[in-house]
Each structure stands twice: as structure tokens, then as C-alpha cells.
N, C-alpha and C. Protein backbone atom coordinates (compact mmCIF):
# COMPACT_ATOMS: atom_id res chain seq x y z
N MET A 1 24.72 14.69 13.30
CA MET A 1 23.60 13.78 13.41
C MET A 1 22.69 14.00 12.20
N PRO A 2 22.31 12.90 11.48
CA PRO A 2 21.45 13.08 10.32
C PRO A 2 20.07 13.55 10.73
N SER A 3 19.46 14.34 9.87
CA SER A 3 18.12 14.83 10.17
C SER A 3 17.10 13.76 9.82
N ALA A 4 15.96 13.84 10.48
CA ALA A 4 14.87 12.89 10.21
C ALA A 4 14.35 13.15 8.81
N PRO A 5 13.98 12.08 8.08
CA PRO A 5 13.45 12.29 6.73
C PRO A 5 12.12 13.01 6.77
N ASP A 6 11.87 13.78 5.74
CA ASP A 6 10.60 14.47 5.60
C ASP A 6 9.48 13.43 5.53
N ARG A 7 8.31 13.71 6.15
CA ARG A 7 7.23 12.73 6.20
C ARG A 7 6.70 12.37 4.82
N ASN A 8 6.96 13.20 3.80
CA ASN A 8 6.50 12.89 2.45
C ASN A 8 7.59 12.27 1.59
N SER A 9 8.76 12.09 2.15
CA SER A 9 9.86 11.49 1.42
C SER A 9 9.59 10.01 1.20
N PRO A 10 9.89 9.48 0.00
CA PRO A 10 9.71 8.05 -0.23
C PRO A 10 10.58 7.20 0.68
N ASP A 11 11.63 7.78 1.27
CA ASP A 11 12.49 7.03 2.17
C ASP A 11 11.91 6.94 3.57
N ARG A 12 10.87 7.66 3.81
CA ARG A 12 10.24 7.66 5.13
C ARG A 12 9.54 6.31 5.32
N ASN A 13 9.94 5.53 6.31
CA ASN A 13 9.30 4.24 6.48
C ASN A 13 8.78 4.01 7.89
N LEU A 14 8.59 5.08 8.62
CA LEU A 14 7.98 4.97 9.94
C LEU A 14 6.90 6.03 10.08
N PRO A 15 5.67 5.63 10.43
CA PRO A 15 4.64 6.64 10.61
C PRO A 15 4.96 7.53 11.82
N ASP A 16 4.45 8.75 11.81
CA ASP A 16 4.62 9.63 12.96
C ASP A 16 3.31 10.35 13.23
N ARG A 17 3.31 11.20 14.21
CA ARG A 17 2.08 11.90 14.59
C ARG A 17 1.59 12.83 13.49
N GLY A 18 2.46 13.19 12.53
CA GLY A 18 2.06 14.09 11.45
C GLY A 18 1.24 13.39 10.38
N GLY A 19 1.02 12.12 10.49
CA GLY A 19 0.25 11.37 9.50
C GLY A 19 1.05 10.17 9.03
N PRO A 20 0.45 9.40 8.14
CA PRO A 20 1.12 8.20 7.67
C PRO A 20 2.40 8.52 6.92
N GLY A 21 3.36 7.64 7.05
CA GLY A 21 4.62 7.80 6.32
C GLY A 21 4.52 7.21 4.93
N GLN A 22 5.62 7.29 4.23
CA GLN A 22 5.73 6.80 2.86
C GLN A 22 6.81 5.72 2.81
N THR A 23 6.69 4.84 1.84
CA THR A 23 7.72 3.86 1.58
C THR A 23 7.83 3.67 0.08
N THR A 24 8.95 3.20 -0.38
CA THR A 24 9.13 2.95 -1.81
C THR A 24 8.55 1.59 -2.17
N PRO A 25 8.28 1.35 -3.45
CA PRO A 25 7.82 0.02 -3.85
C PRO A 25 8.82 -1.09 -3.45
N ALA A 26 10.10 -0.86 -3.63
CA ALA A 26 11.09 -1.88 -3.27
C ALA A 26 11.07 -2.18 -1.78
N GLN A 27 10.97 -1.14 -0.96
CA GLN A 27 10.89 -1.34 0.49
C GLN A 27 9.59 -2.06 0.85
N ALA A 28 8.50 -1.69 0.20
CA ALA A 28 7.21 -2.33 0.47
C ALA A 28 7.26 -3.81 0.11
N ARG A 29 7.86 -4.13 -1.02
CA ARG A 29 7.98 -5.54 -1.42
C ARG A 29 8.74 -6.33 -0.37
N GLU A 30 9.83 -5.76 0.13
CA GLU A 30 10.64 -6.46 1.12
C GLU A 30 9.89 -6.62 2.44
N LEU A 31 9.20 -5.58 2.88
CA LEU A 31 8.41 -5.67 4.11
C LEU A 31 7.32 -6.73 3.99
N ALA A 32 6.67 -6.79 2.84
CA ALA A 32 5.62 -7.79 2.64
C ALA A 32 6.24 -9.19 2.51
N ARG A 33 7.34 -9.30 1.80
CA ARG A 33 8.00 -10.60 1.59
C ARG A 33 8.43 -11.23 2.90
N THR A 34 8.92 -10.40 3.82
CA THR A 34 9.40 -10.91 5.10
C THR A 34 8.28 -11.09 6.13
N GLY A 35 7.09 -10.64 5.79
CA GLY A 35 5.97 -10.76 6.72
C GLY A 35 5.89 -9.63 7.73
N ALA A 36 6.75 -8.63 7.58
CA ALA A 36 6.75 -7.49 8.51
C ALA A 36 5.53 -6.60 8.29
N ALA A 37 4.90 -6.70 7.12
CA ALA A 37 3.75 -5.87 6.79
C ALA A 37 2.92 -6.60 5.72
N VAL A 38 1.74 -6.07 5.48
CA VAL A 38 0.87 -6.63 4.46
C VAL A 38 0.48 -5.54 3.47
N LEU A 39 0.53 -5.87 2.18
CA LEU A 39 0.12 -4.93 1.14
C LEU A 39 -1.41 -4.91 1.04
N LEU A 40 -1.97 -3.71 0.98
CA LEU A 40 -3.41 -3.55 0.82
C LEU A 40 -3.67 -2.67 -0.40
N ASP A 41 -4.17 -3.28 -1.45
CA ASP A 41 -4.47 -2.57 -2.69
C ASP A 41 -5.85 -1.94 -2.55
N VAL A 42 -5.93 -0.63 -2.69
CA VAL A 42 -7.18 0.09 -2.47
C VAL A 42 -7.83 0.55 -3.78
N ARG A 43 -7.39 -0.01 -4.90
CA ARG A 43 -7.99 0.33 -6.19
C ARG A 43 -9.32 -0.40 -6.36
N GLU A 44 -10.03 -0.07 -7.40
CA GLU A 44 -11.30 -0.73 -7.71
C GLU A 44 -11.05 -2.15 -8.20
N GLY A 45 -12.08 -2.97 -8.18
CA GLY A 45 -11.97 -4.39 -8.51
C GLY A 45 -11.36 -4.68 -9.86
N GLY A 46 -11.76 -3.96 -10.89
CA GLY A 46 -11.22 -4.18 -12.23
C GLY A 46 -9.73 -3.88 -12.32
N GLU A 47 -9.31 -2.84 -11.61
CA GLU A 47 -7.89 -2.50 -11.59
C GLU A 47 -7.09 -3.59 -10.90
N PHE A 48 -7.61 -4.06 -9.76
CA PHE A 48 -6.94 -5.12 -9.02
C PHE A 48 -6.85 -6.39 -9.85
N ALA A 49 -7.95 -6.75 -10.54
CA ALA A 49 -7.99 -7.96 -11.34
C ALA A 49 -7.00 -7.91 -12.52
N ALA A 50 -6.80 -6.71 -13.08
CA ALA A 50 -5.88 -6.58 -14.22
C ALA A 50 -4.44 -6.81 -13.80
N GLY A 51 -4.09 -6.43 -12.58
CA GLY A 51 -2.73 -6.64 -12.11
C GLY A 51 -2.48 -5.98 -10.78
N HIS A 52 -1.91 -6.76 -9.87
CA HIS A 52 -1.60 -6.26 -8.52
C HIS A 52 -0.30 -6.89 -8.04
N ALA A 53 0.20 -6.40 -6.94
CA ALA A 53 1.41 -6.96 -6.35
C ALA A 53 1.09 -8.36 -5.81
N PRO A 54 1.96 -9.33 -6.03
CA PRO A 54 1.71 -10.67 -5.51
C PRO A 54 1.48 -10.64 -3.99
N GLY A 55 0.44 -11.35 -3.57
CA GLY A 55 0.13 -11.43 -2.15
C GLY A 55 -0.66 -10.28 -1.59
N ALA A 56 -0.93 -9.27 -2.42
CA ALA A 56 -1.68 -8.10 -1.93
C ALA A 56 -3.11 -8.47 -1.60
N LEU A 57 -3.61 -7.89 -0.52
CA LEU A 57 -5.02 -7.99 -0.17
C LEU A 57 -5.74 -6.87 -0.91
N HIS A 58 -7.07 -6.99 -1.03
CA HIS A 58 -7.82 -5.99 -1.76
C HIS A 58 -8.96 -5.44 -0.90
N GLN A 59 -9.02 -4.13 -0.81
CA GLN A 59 -10.14 -3.43 -0.15
C GLN A 59 -10.20 -2.05 -0.78
N PRO A 60 -11.17 -1.78 -1.67
CA PRO A 60 -11.22 -0.48 -2.33
C PRO A 60 -11.34 0.68 -1.35
N LEU A 61 -10.77 1.80 -1.73
CA LEU A 61 -10.82 3.01 -0.91
C LEU A 61 -12.26 3.35 -0.55
N ILE A 62 -13.17 3.24 -1.49
CA ILE A 62 -14.57 3.61 -1.22
C ILE A 62 -15.13 2.78 -0.06
N ALA A 63 -14.73 1.51 0.03
CA ALA A 63 -15.20 0.67 1.14
C ALA A 63 -14.56 1.12 2.45
N LEU A 64 -13.27 1.41 2.43
CA LEU A 64 -12.61 1.90 3.64
C LEU A 64 -13.24 3.20 4.11
N ALA A 65 -13.52 4.09 3.16
CA ALA A 65 -14.13 5.37 3.51
C ALA A 65 -15.53 5.19 4.10
N ALA A 66 -16.21 4.10 3.71
CA ALA A 66 -17.54 3.82 4.24
C ALA A 66 -17.48 3.10 5.59
N GLY A 67 -16.27 2.82 6.06
CA GLY A 67 -16.13 2.19 7.37
C GLY A 67 -16.01 0.68 7.36
N VAL A 68 -15.92 0.08 6.17
CA VAL A 68 -15.75 -1.37 6.09
C VAL A 68 -14.42 -1.74 6.75
N PRO A 69 -14.41 -2.78 7.57
CA PRO A 69 -13.17 -3.15 8.24
C PRO A 69 -12.12 -3.69 7.28
N LEU A 70 -10.90 -3.72 7.76
CA LEU A 70 -9.81 -4.31 7.00
C LEU A 70 -10.07 -5.79 6.77
N PRO A 71 -9.51 -6.36 5.69
CA PRO A 71 -9.58 -7.81 5.54
C PRO A 71 -8.95 -8.47 6.77
N PRO A 72 -9.48 -9.61 7.21
CA PRO A 72 -8.97 -10.25 8.42
C PRO A 72 -7.46 -10.45 8.44
N ALA A 73 -6.84 -10.75 7.30
CA ALA A 73 -5.39 -10.99 7.26
C ALA A 73 -4.58 -9.72 7.52
N ALA A 74 -5.23 -8.55 7.48
CA ALA A 74 -4.52 -7.28 7.71
C ALA A 74 -4.69 -6.77 9.14
N VAL A 75 -5.64 -7.32 9.87
CA VAL A 75 -5.93 -6.84 11.22
C VAL A 75 -4.73 -7.09 12.14
N GLY A 76 -4.32 -6.03 12.84
CA GLY A 76 -3.20 -6.14 13.77
C GLY A 76 -1.83 -6.13 13.12
N ARG A 77 -1.78 -5.88 11.83
CA ARG A 77 -0.52 -5.88 11.09
C ARG A 77 -0.21 -4.48 10.59
N THR A 78 1.04 -4.23 10.28
CA THR A 78 1.41 -3.00 9.58
C THR A 78 0.88 -3.13 8.16
N VAL A 79 0.18 -2.10 7.70
CA VAL A 79 -0.43 -2.10 6.37
C VAL A 79 0.35 -1.19 5.44
N LEU A 80 0.57 -1.66 4.24
CA LEU A 80 1.21 -0.89 3.17
C LEU A 80 0.13 -0.61 2.14
N ALA A 81 -0.41 0.60 2.13
CA ALA A 81 -1.49 0.97 1.22
C ALA A 81 -0.92 1.29 -0.15
N ILE A 82 -1.55 0.72 -1.19
CA ILE A 82 -1.08 0.94 -2.55
C ILE A 82 -2.27 1.11 -3.48
N CYS A 83 -2.11 1.99 -4.47
CA CYS A 83 -3.13 2.18 -5.50
C CYS A 83 -2.40 2.29 -6.84
N ARG A 84 -2.94 3.01 -7.81
CA ARG A 84 -2.28 3.14 -9.10
C ARG A 84 -1.13 4.14 -9.04
N SER A 85 -1.37 5.31 -8.43
CA SER A 85 -0.36 6.37 -8.46
C SER A 85 0.10 6.84 -7.09
N GLY A 86 -0.57 6.42 -6.04
CA GLY A 86 -0.22 6.84 -4.69
C GLY A 86 -1.17 7.84 -4.07
N HIS A 87 -2.12 8.34 -4.84
CA HIS A 87 -3.05 9.35 -4.30
C HIS A 87 -4.18 8.71 -3.49
N ARG A 88 -4.85 7.71 -4.05
CA ARG A 88 -5.92 7.05 -3.29
C ARG A 88 -5.35 6.33 -2.08
N SER A 89 -4.18 5.73 -2.25
CA SER A 89 -3.59 5.02 -1.11
C SER A 89 -3.17 5.98 -0.01
N GLN A 90 -2.80 7.20 -0.36
CA GLN A 90 -2.48 8.20 0.67
C GLN A 90 -3.74 8.50 1.47
N ARG A 91 -4.87 8.65 0.79
CA ARG A 91 -6.14 8.90 1.49
C ARG A 91 -6.49 7.69 2.36
N ALA A 92 -6.32 6.49 1.82
CA ALA A 92 -6.60 5.27 2.59
C ALA A 92 -5.70 5.21 3.81
N ALA A 93 -4.42 5.56 3.65
CA ALA A 93 -3.49 5.54 4.78
C ALA A 93 -3.93 6.51 5.86
N GLU A 94 -4.40 7.69 5.45
CA GLU A 94 -4.89 8.67 6.42
C GLU A 94 -6.11 8.13 7.17
N LEU A 95 -7.05 7.52 6.46
CA LEU A 95 -8.23 6.94 7.09
C LEU A 95 -7.85 5.83 8.07
N LEU A 96 -6.95 4.95 7.64
CA LEU A 96 -6.54 3.84 8.50
C LEU A 96 -5.76 4.34 9.71
N ALA A 97 -4.92 5.34 9.53
CA ALA A 97 -4.18 5.90 10.66
C ALA A 97 -5.14 6.47 11.70
N GLN A 98 -6.22 7.10 11.23
CA GLN A 98 -7.23 7.62 12.16
C GLN A 98 -7.90 6.50 12.95
N ARG A 99 -7.91 5.30 12.40
CA ARG A 99 -8.48 4.13 13.08
C ARG A 99 -7.45 3.45 14.00
N GLY A 100 -6.23 3.99 14.01
CA GLY A 100 -5.20 3.42 14.85
C GLY A 100 -4.36 2.34 14.19
N VAL A 101 -4.49 2.19 12.89
CA VAL A 101 -3.72 1.20 12.14
C VAL A 101 -2.33 1.76 11.85
N GLU A 102 -1.30 0.96 12.04
CA GLU A 102 0.05 1.34 11.62
C GLU A 102 0.11 1.15 10.11
N VAL A 103 0.30 2.25 9.39
CA VAL A 103 0.16 2.20 7.93
C VAL A 103 1.18 3.10 7.26
N LEU A 104 1.63 2.66 6.10
CA LEU A 104 2.51 3.43 5.23
C LEU A 104 1.88 3.48 3.85
N ASN A 105 2.07 4.57 3.14
CA ASN A 105 1.63 4.71 1.76
C ASN A 105 2.79 4.31 0.85
N VAL A 106 2.50 3.50 -0.16
CA VAL A 106 3.53 3.14 -1.14
C VAL A 106 3.60 4.27 -2.17
N ALA A 107 4.67 5.05 -2.10
CA ALA A 107 4.84 6.22 -2.97
C ALA A 107 4.86 5.80 -4.43
N GLY A 108 4.06 6.47 -5.24
CA GLY A 108 4.02 6.19 -6.68
C GLY A 108 3.12 5.03 -7.06
N GLY A 109 2.63 4.28 -6.08
CA GLY A 109 1.67 3.21 -6.33
C GLY A 109 2.16 2.11 -7.24
N MET A 110 1.18 1.43 -7.86
CA MET A 110 1.49 0.31 -8.73
C MET A 110 2.23 0.75 -9.99
N GLY A 111 2.03 2.00 -10.40
CA GLY A 111 2.79 2.50 -11.54
C GLY A 111 4.28 2.47 -11.24
N ALA A 112 4.66 2.98 -10.07
CA ALA A 112 6.07 2.98 -9.66
C ALA A 112 6.54 1.55 -9.41
N TRP A 113 5.66 0.71 -8.86
CA TRP A 113 5.98 -0.70 -8.62
C TRP A 113 6.39 -1.36 -9.93
N ALA A 114 5.56 -1.21 -10.96
CA ALA A 114 5.84 -1.82 -12.26
C ALA A 114 7.09 -1.21 -12.89
N ARG A 115 7.25 0.11 -12.81
CA ARG A 115 8.44 0.75 -13.38
C ARG A 115 9.72 0.28 -12.70
N ALA A 116 9.62 -0.13 -11.44
CA ALA A 116 10.78 -0.64 -10.70
C ALA A 116 11.08 -2.09 -11.08
N GLY A 117 10.27 -2.66 -11.98
CA GLY A 117 10.50 -4.03 -12.42
C GLY A 117 10.00 -5.08 -11.44
N LEU A 118 9.16 -4.67 -10.49
CA LEU A 118 8.62 -5.62 -9.52
C LEU A 118 7.44 -6.36 -10.15
N PRO A 119 7.16 -7.58 -9.67
CA PRO A 119 6.14 -8.41 -10.33
C PRO A 119 4.73 -7.87 -10.16
N VAL A 120 3.94 -8.06 -11.21
CA VAL A 120 2.53 -7.71 -11.24
C VAL A 120 1.79 -8.97 -11.69
N THR A 121 0.79 -9.37 -10.94
CA THR A 121 0.09 -10.62 -11.20
C THR A 121 -1.42 -10.43 -11.22
N THR A 122 -2.13 -11.41 -11.75
CA THR A 122 -3.59 -11.42 -11.73
C THR A 122 -4.03 -12.36 -10.61
N PRO A 123 -5.32 -12.35 -10.26
CA PRO A 123 -5.80 -13.29 -9.25
C PRO A 123 -5.56 -14.76 -9.63
N ARG A 124 -5.41 -15.06 -10.92
CA ARG A 124 -5.15 -16.43 -11.38
C ARG A 124 -3.66 -16.77 -11.39
N GLY A 125 -2.82 -15.80 -10.99
CA GLY A 125 -1.38 -16.04 -10.95
C GLY A 125 -0.67 -15.80 -12.26
N GLU A 126 -1.38 -15.22 -13.24
CA GLU A 126 -0.76 -14.92 -14.53
C GLU A 126 -0.10 -13.54 -14.45
N SER A 127 0.73 -13.24 -15.44
CA SER A 127 1.36 -11.93 -15.50
C SER A 127 0.27 -10.87 -15.73
N GLY A 128 0.29 -9.82 -14.92
CA GLY A 128 -0.72 -8.79 -15.02
C GLY A 128 -0.14 -7.47 -15.51
N HIS A 129 -1.00 -6.48 -15.60
CA HIS A 129 -0.58 -5.14 -15.98
C HIS A 129 -1.35 -4.12 -15.16
N VAL A 130 -0.78 -2.94 -15.04
CA VAL A 130 -1.38 -1.88 -14.23
C VAL A 130 -2.27 -1.01 -15.11
N ILE A 131 -3.52 -0.84 -14.66
CA ILE A 131 -4.42 0.07 -15.39
C ILE A 131 -4.89 1.14 -14.42
């Protein structure tokens, strides 16, 4: 019988009692594309404006930490937290899990997303870049 993946493994795609799980950028894209989950970019506004995953919602970590609610389109949905490198989104995932949100951290963040060749866009729909 195969062993359960480590909770910090990028292949981990189910949260457990030990904290939020992890998912890869490719898995996150597929979950968002199919509507099974929603991407939540927790970077600052300038970072989001420079380039984000298509369809991602935006709520900076500082706002989540201050208790600001999720964007309405994320309420009641599985959330895929993403930032630049995966560190802020891990903190966001922990905060959201404490609120009872089903959440996964996108391992490696937007940097890994872009390195995987996945699309990065601006709010105007133009090609974006990760800062």
C-alpha cells in the first residue's frame, strides 16, 4: 500500500489536520480551470498588476491577516493560495485554514508557475511578468 504523501510535498493535494496541503502550479491551474477551486493571489497590488495567473482573485496577505474576508467569488470554494515564491501564500493558507476554509498552497508560487510555462497576465489581459 502506498504511503500518504508528506504534507509539505508538492504532490500533496488534500488538506489534513496537520495544516494546509500543497499543490503544484500545474495541478492548481487544472483545479482552477475546471472550477474545482479558485486561485487567490495574496501578493501586494503592484505585484498582482504586473502579472498573475489568469482568473486569479486578489486579496493581499496583509488584508487576510487583518481579518478582511475572502473575495465573494472565493467564499465556500476550495482556495488555492499563491504568491511570488510560496512563503506568503503558505501563511495565508494557514490563516484561511484556521477560518475553516479548504485551502491549498501553490508550492513555489508565481515563480514556479511562470517557470512551468503557465500563462501570466495583467488585469488588462496583456502578457504579464512576475515581480
